[in-house]
PDB file of N, CA and C in Angstrom:
ATOM      1  N   MET A   1      83.101  30.642 208.020  1.00  0.00           N
ATOM      2  CA  MET A   1      84.440  31.173 207.829  1.00  0.00           C
ATOM      3  C   MET A   1      84.344  32.620 207.346  1.00  0.00           C
ATOM      4  N   ALA A   2      85.237  33.438 207.816  1.00  0.00           N
ATOM      5  CA  ALA A   2      85.294  34.838 207.374  1.00  0.00           C
ATOM      6  C   ALA A   2      86.236  34.940 206.175  1.00  0.00           C
ATOM      7  N   TYR A   3      85.827  35.747 205.213  1.00  0.00           N
ATOM      8  CA  TYR A   3      86.618  35.918 203.997  1.00  0.00           C
ATOM      9  C   TYR A   3      86.994  37.385 203.847  1.00  0.00           C
ATOM     10  N   ASP A   4      88.218  37.634 203.390  1.00  0.00           N
ATOM     11  CA  ASP A   4      88.688  38.999 203.157  1.00  0.00           C
ATOM     12  C   ASP A   4      88.426  39.452 201.729  1.00  0.00           C
ATOM     13  N   THR A   5      88.403  38.516 200.779  1.00  0.00           N
ATOM     14  CA  THR A   5      88.304  38.882 199.369  1.00  0.00           C
ATOM     15  C   THR A   5      86.977  38.461 198.746  1.00  0.00           C
ATOM     16  N   LEU A   6      86.076  37.897 199.541  1.00  0.00           N
ATOM     17  CA  LEU A   6      84.780  37.433 199.055  1.00  0.00           C
ATOM     18  C   LEU A   6      83.676  37.924 199.963  1.00  0.00           C
ATOM     19  N   GLU A   7      82.492  38.053 199.401  1.00  0.00           N
ATOM     20  CA  GLU A   7      81.276  38.274 200.185  1.00  0.00           C
ATOM     21  C   GLU A   7      80.359  37.093 199.897  1.00  0.00           C
ATOM     22  N   ILE A   8      79.869  36.460 200.947  1.00  0.00           N
ATOM     23  CA  ILE A   8      79.009  35.290 200.813  1.00  0.00           C
ATOM     24  C   ILE A   8      77.645  35.636 201.402  1.00  0.00           C
ATOM     25  N   GLU A   9      76.602  35.383 200.616  1.00  0.00           N
ATOM     26  CA  GLU A   9      75.235  35.606 201.086  1.00  0.00           C
ATOM     27  C   GLU A   9      74.386  34.408 200.700  1.00  0.00           C
ATOM     28  N   ASN A  10      73.458  34.055 201.563  1.00  0.00           N
ATOM     29  CA  ASN A  10      72.500  32.998 201.261  1.00  0.00           C
ATOM     30  C   ASN A  10      71.116  33.611 201.103  1.00  0.00           C
ATOM     31  N   HIS A  11      70.431  33.170 200.079  1.00  0.00           N
ATOM     32  CA  HIS A  11      69.060  33.589 199.807  1.00  0.00           C
ATOM     33  C   HIS A  11      68.265  32.317 199.566  1.00  0.00           C
ATOM     34  N   GLY A  12      67.758  31.733 200.634  1.00  0.00           N
ATOM     35  CA  GLY A  12      67.080  30.446 200.518  1.00  0.00           C
ATOM     36  C   GLY A  12      68.081  29.399 200.073  1.00  0.00           C
ATOM     37  N   ALA A  13      67.774  28.706 198.985  1.00  0.00           N
ATOM     38  CA  ALA A  13      68.651  27.650 198.470  1.00  0.00           C
ATOM     39  C   ALA A  13      69.724  28.192 197.534  1.00  0.00           C
ATOM     40  N   VAL A  14      69.815  29.519 197.408  1.00  0.00           N
ATOM     41  CA  VAL A  14      70.789  30.146 196.517  1.00  0.00           C
ATOM     42  C   VAL A  14      71.902  30.771 197.351  1.00  0.00           C
ATOM     43  N   ARG A  15      73.130  30.417 197.043  1.00  0.00           N
ATOM     44  CA  ARG A  15      74.288  31.044 197.684  1.00  0.00           C
ATOM     45  C   ARG A  15      74.939  31.961 196.669  1.00  0.00           C
ATOM     46  N   ARG A  16      75.157  33.197 197.086  1.00  0.00           N
ATOM     47  CA  ARG A  16      75.804  34.186 196.229  1.00  0.00           C
ATOM     48  C   ARG A  16      77.224  34.393 196.740  1.00  0.00           C
ATOM     49  N   ILE A  17      78.194  34.182 195.869  1.00  0.00           N
ATOM     50  CA  ILE A  17      79.606  34.397 196.181  1.00  0.00           C
ATOM     51  C   ILE A  17      80.088  35.534 195.286  1.00  0.00           C
ATOM     52  N   LEU A  18      80.467  36.638 195.910  1.00  0.00           N
ATOM     53  CA  LEU A  18      80.925  37.803 195.159  1.00  0.00           C
ATOM     54  C   LEU A  18      82.403  38.049 195.411  1.00  0.00           C
ATOM     55  N   LEU A  19      83.122  38.346 194.336  1.00  0.00           N
ATOM     56  CA  LEU A  19      84.507  38.774 194.473  1.00  0.00           C
ATOM     57  C   LEU A  19      84.481  40.183 195.045  1.00  0.00           C
ATOM     58  N   ALA A  20      85.283  40.435 196.066  1.00  0.00           N
ATOM     59  CA  ALA A  20      85.190  41.704 196.787  1.00  0.00           C
ATOM     60  C   ALA A  20      86.547  42.415 196.866  1.00  0.00           C
ATOM     61  N   ARG A  21      87.180  42.565 195.723  1.00  0.00           N
ATOM     62  CA  ARG A  21      88.420  43.344 195.633  1.00  0.00           C
ATOM     63  C   ARG A  21      88.221  44.420 194.579  1.00  0.00           C
ATOM     64  N   GLU A  22      87.200  45.213 194.766  1.00  0.00           N
ATOM     65  CA  GLU A  22      86.842  46.197 193.745  1.00  0.00           C
ATOM     66  C   GLU A  22      87.937  47.231 193.518  1.00  0.00           C
ATOM     67  N   ALA A  23      88.663  47.603 194.550  1.00  0.00           N
ATOM     68  CA  ALA A  23      89.740  48.587 194.377  1.00  0.00           C
ATOM     69  C   ALA A  23      90.823  48.057 193.443  1.00  0.00           C
ATOM     70  N   GLN A  24      90.951  46.724 193.370  1.00  0.00           N
ATOM     71  CA  GLN A  24      91.912  46.097 192.476  1.00  0.00           C
ATOM     72  C   GLN A  24      91.220  45.528 191.239  1.00  0.00           C
ATOM     73  N   ARG A  25      89.980  45.990 190.992  1.00  0.00           N
ATOM     74  CA  ARG A  25      89.159  45.510 189.873  1.00  0.00           C
ATOM     75  C   ARG A  25      88.987  43.993 189.906  1.00  0.00           C
ATOM     76  N   ASN A  26      88.929  43.460 191.139  1.00  0.00           N
ATOM     77  CA  ASN A  26      88.726  42.036 191.392  1.00  0.00           C
ATOM     78  C   ASN A  26      89.796  41.151 190.750  1.00  0.00           C
ATOM     79  N   ALA A  27      91.003  41.696 190.638  1.00  0.00           N
ATOM     80  CA  ALA A  27      92.117  40.876 190.158  1.00  0.00           C
ATOM     81  C   ALA A  27      92.314  39.715 191.126  1.00  0.00           C
ATOM     82  N   GLN A  28      92.530  38.548 190.570  1.00  0.00           N
ATOM     83  CA  GLN A  28      92.688  37.374 191.414  1.00  0.00           C
ATOM     84  C   GLN A  28      94.063  37.382 192.056  1.00  0.00           C
ATOM     85  N   SER A  29      94.064  37.066 193.325  1.00  0.00           N
ATOM     86  CA  SER A  29      95.301  36.909 194.084  1.00  0.00           C
ATOM     87  C   SER A  29      95.311  35.480 194.621  1.00  0.00           C
ATOM     88  N   GLN A  30      96.434  35.060 195.137  1.00  0.00           N
ATOM     89  CA  GLN A  30      96.487  33.717 195.722  1.00  0.00           C
ATOM     90  C   GLN A  30      95.517  33.615 196.894  1.00  0.00           C
ATOM     91  N   GLN A  31      95.391  34.682 197.673  1.00  0.00           N
ATOM     92  CA  GLN A  31      94.449  34.684 198.787  1.00  0.00           C
ATOM     93  C   GLN A  31      93.018  34.487 198.284  1.00  0.00           C
ATOM     94  N   MET A  32      92.657  35.199 197.202  1.00  0.00           N
ATOM     95  CA  MET A  32      91.308  35.049 196.667  1.00  0.00           C
ATOM     96  C   MET A  32      91.074  33.622 196.164  1.00  0.00           C
ATOM     97  N   LEU A  33      92.043  33.065 195.466  1.00  0.00           N
ATOM     98  CA  LEU A  33      91.899  31.698 194.971  1.00  0.00           C
ATOM     99  C   LEU A  33      91.744  30.713 196.119  1.00  0.00           C
ATOM    100  N   ASP A  34      92.512  30.899 197.189  1.00  0.00           N
ATOM    101  CA  ASP A  34      92.389  30.030 198.370  1.00  0.00           C
ATOM    102  C   ASP A  34      91.011  30.181 199.007  1.00  0.00           C
ATOM    103  N   GLU A  35      90.526  31.428 199.090  1.00  0.00           N
ATOM    104  CA  GLU A  35      89.215  31.659 199.682  1.00  0.00           C
ATOM    105  C   GLU A  35      88.097  31.097 198.802  1.00  0.00           C
ATOM    106  N   LEU A  36      88.235  31.200 197.487  1.00  0.00           N
ATOM    107  CA  LEU A  36      87.241  30.597 196.591  1.00  0.00           C
ATOM    108  C   LEU A  36      87.206  29.082 196.776  1.00  0.00           C
ATOM    109  N   ASP A  37      88.371  28.481 196.883  1.00  0.00           N
ATOM    110  CA  ASP A  37      88.449  27.036 197.112  1.00  0.00           C
ATOM    111  C   ASP A  37      87.727  26.667 198.404  1.00  0.00           C
ATOM    112  N   ALA A  38      87.967  27.422 199.469  1.00  0.00           N
ATOM    113  CA  ALA A  38      87.307  27.162 200.744  1.00  0.00           C
ATOM    114  C   ALA A  38      85.805  27.406 200.667  1.00  0.00           C
ATOM    115  N   ALA A  39      85.405  28.471 199.974  1.00  0.00           N
ATOM    116  CA  ALA A  39      83.978  28.786 199.861  1.00  0.00           C
ATOM    117  C   ALA A  39      83.231  27.697 199.099  1.00  0.00           C
ATOM    118  N   PHE A  40      83.817  27.190 198.019  1.00  0.00           N
ATOM    119  CA  PHE A  40      83.163  26.113 197.276  1.00  0.00           C
ATOM    120  C   PHE A  40      83.166  24.811 198.075  1.00  0.00           C
ATOM    121  N   ALA A  41      84.209  24.557 198.845  1.00  0.00           N
ATOM    122  CA  ALA A  41      84.232  23.364 199.703  1.00  0.00           C
ATOM    123  C   ALA A  41      83.145  23.472 200.773  1.00  0.00           C
ATOM    124  N   ASP A  42      82.992  24.646 201.382  1.00  0.00           N
ATOM    125  CA  ASP A  42      81.927  24.857 202.369  1.00  0.00           C
ATOM    126  C   ASP A  42      80.555  24.668 201.727  1.00  0.00           C
ATOM    127  N   THR A  43      80.399  25.171 200.520  1.00  0.00           N
ATOM    128  CA  THR A  43      79.126  25.060 199.808  1.00  0.00           C
ATOM    129  C   THR A  43      78.809  23.599 199.498  1.00  0.00           C
ATOM    130  N   ALA A  44      79.812  22.841 199.102  1.00  0.00           N
ATOM    131  CA  ALA A  44      79.600  21.427 198.773  1.00  0.00           C
ATOM    132  C   ALA A  44      79.120  20.643 199.985  1.00  0.00           C
ATOM    133  N   ARG A  45      79.508  21.066 201.180  1.00  0.00           N
ATOM    134  CA  ARG A  45      79.085  20.381 202.417  1.00  0.00           C
ATOM    135  C   ARG A  45      77.720  20.833 202.911  1.00  0.00           C
ATOM    136  N   ASP A  46      77.173  21.893 202.317  1.00  0.00           N
ATOM    137  CA  ASP A  46      75.907  22.454 202.788  1.00  0.00           C
ATOM    138  C   ASP A  46      74.758  21.946 201.910  1.00  0.00           C
ATOM    139  N   ASP A  47      73.990  21.017 202.435  1.00  0.00           N
ATOM    140  CA  ASP A  47      72.889  20.409 201.673  1.00  0.00           C
ATOM    141  C   ASP A  47      71.742  21.378 201.402  1.00  0.00           C
ATOM    142  N   SER A  48      71.710  22.516 202.079  1.00  0.00           N
ATOM    143  CA  SER A  48      70.614  23.463 201.871  1.00  0.00           C
ATOM    144  C   SER A  48      70.833  24.338 200.634  1.00  0.00           C
ATOM    145  N   VAL A  49      72.033  24.306 200.060  1.00  0.00           N
ATOM    146  CA  VAL A  49      72.342  25.130 198.885  1.00  0.00           C
ATOM    147  C   VAL A  49      72.147  24.302 197.623  1.00  0.00           C
ATOM    148  N   ASN A  50      71.314  24.802 196.712  1.00  0.00           N
ATOM    149  CA  ASN A  50      71.074  24.132 195.435  1.00  0.00           C
ATOM    150  C   ASN A  50      71.685  24.871 194.254  1.00  0.00           C
ATOM    151  N   VAL A  51      71.914  26.174 194.409  1.00  0.00           N
ATOM    152  CA  VAL A  51      72.415  27.001 193.310  1.00  0.00           C
ATOM    153  C   VAL A  51      73.502  27.916 193.853  1.00  0.00           C
ATOM    154  N   VAL A  52      74.565  28.085 193.063  1.00  0.00           N
ATOM    155  CA  VAL A  52      75.624  29.034 193.410  1.00  0.00           C
ATOM    156  C   VAL A  52      75.699  30.074 192.302  1.00  0.00           C
ATOM    157  N   VAL A  53      75.680  31.351 192.705  1.00  0.00           N
ATOM    158  CA  VAL A  53      75.861  32.456 191.772  1.00  0.00           C
ATOM    159  C   VAL A  53      77.209  33.072 192.108  1.00  0.00           C
ATOM    160  N   LEU A  54      78.096  33.075 191.141  1.00  0.00           N
ATOM    161  CA  LEU A  54      79.415  33.673 191.317  1.00  0.00           C
ATOM    162  C   LEU A  54      79.424  34.986 190.561  1.00  0.00           C
ATOM    163  N   GLY A  55      79.723  36.068 191.271  1.00  0.00           N
ATOM    164  CA  GLY A  55      79.703  37.387 190.660  1.00  0.00           C
ATOM    165  C   GLY A  55      80.952  38.168 190.999  1.00  0.00           C
ATOM    166  N   GLN A  56      81.040  39.355 190.419  1.00  0.00           N
ATOM    167  CA  GLN A  56      82.233  40.170 190.571  1.00  0.00           C
ATOM    168  C   GLN A  56      82.016  41.416 191.403  1.00  0.00           C
ATOM    169  N   GLY A  57      81.091  41.409 192.306  1.00  0.00           N
ATOM    170  CA  GLY A  57      80.902  42.549 193.174  1.00  0.00           C
ATOM    171  C   GLY A  57      79.942  43.575 192.622  1.00  0.00           C
ATOM    172  N   ARG A  58      79.695  44.611 193.397  1.00  0.00           N
ATOM    173  CA  ARG A  58      78.685  45.607 193.049  1.00  0.00           C
ATOM    174  C   ARG A  58      78.996  46.361 191.766  1.00  0.00           C
ATOM    175  N   SER A  59      80.251  46.530 191.435  1.00  0.00           N
ATOM    176  CA  SER A  59      80.594  47.291 190.233  1.00  0.00           C
ATOM    177  C   SER A  59      80.203  46.578 188.952  1.00  0.00           C
ATOM    178  N   PHE A  60      80.135  45.260 188.982  1.00  0.00           N
ATOM    179  CA  PHE A  60      79.913  44.495 187.775  1.00  0.00           C
ATOM    180  C   PHE A  60      78.672  43.624 187.818  1.00  0.00           C
ATOM    181  N   PHE A  61      78.057  43.476 188.977  1.00  0.00           N
ATOM    182  CA  PHE A  61      76.994  42.487 189.159  1.00  0.00           C
ATOM    183  C   PHE A  61      75.827  43.140 189.886  1.00  0.00           C
ATOM    184  N   ARG A  62      74.665  43.018 189.366  1.00  0.00           N
ATOM    185  CA  ARG A  62      73.482  43.579 190.029  1.00  0.00           C
ATOM    186  C   ARG A  62      72.588  42.445 190.479  1.00  0.00           C
ATOM    187  N   TRP A  63      72.229  42.484 191.731  1.00  0.00           N
ATOM    188  CA  TRP A  63      71.319  41.503 192.313  1.00  0.00           C
ATOM    189  C   TRP A  63      70.000  42.190 192.585  1.00  0.00           C
ATOM    190  N   PRO A  64      68.918  41.598 192.151  1.00  0.00           N
ATOM    191  CA  PRO A  64      67.622  42.267 192.361  1.00  0.00           C
ATOM    192  C   PRO A  64      67.305  42.494 193.824  1.00  0.00           C
TER     193      PRO A  64
END
């Protein structure tokens, strides 16, 4: 699924979900909440994911 307010990346068994509304300082909107719900539902169905990292985008979260 494509998301407008999230960035989803997989790194092996780790799924990274980043909030991607930096211009709005990642303020939650109904669209973002709906997309988070869908992203977690997709993750729950994916047996290859063991860990979920939820972050707030490049401005607030650094990934090695």
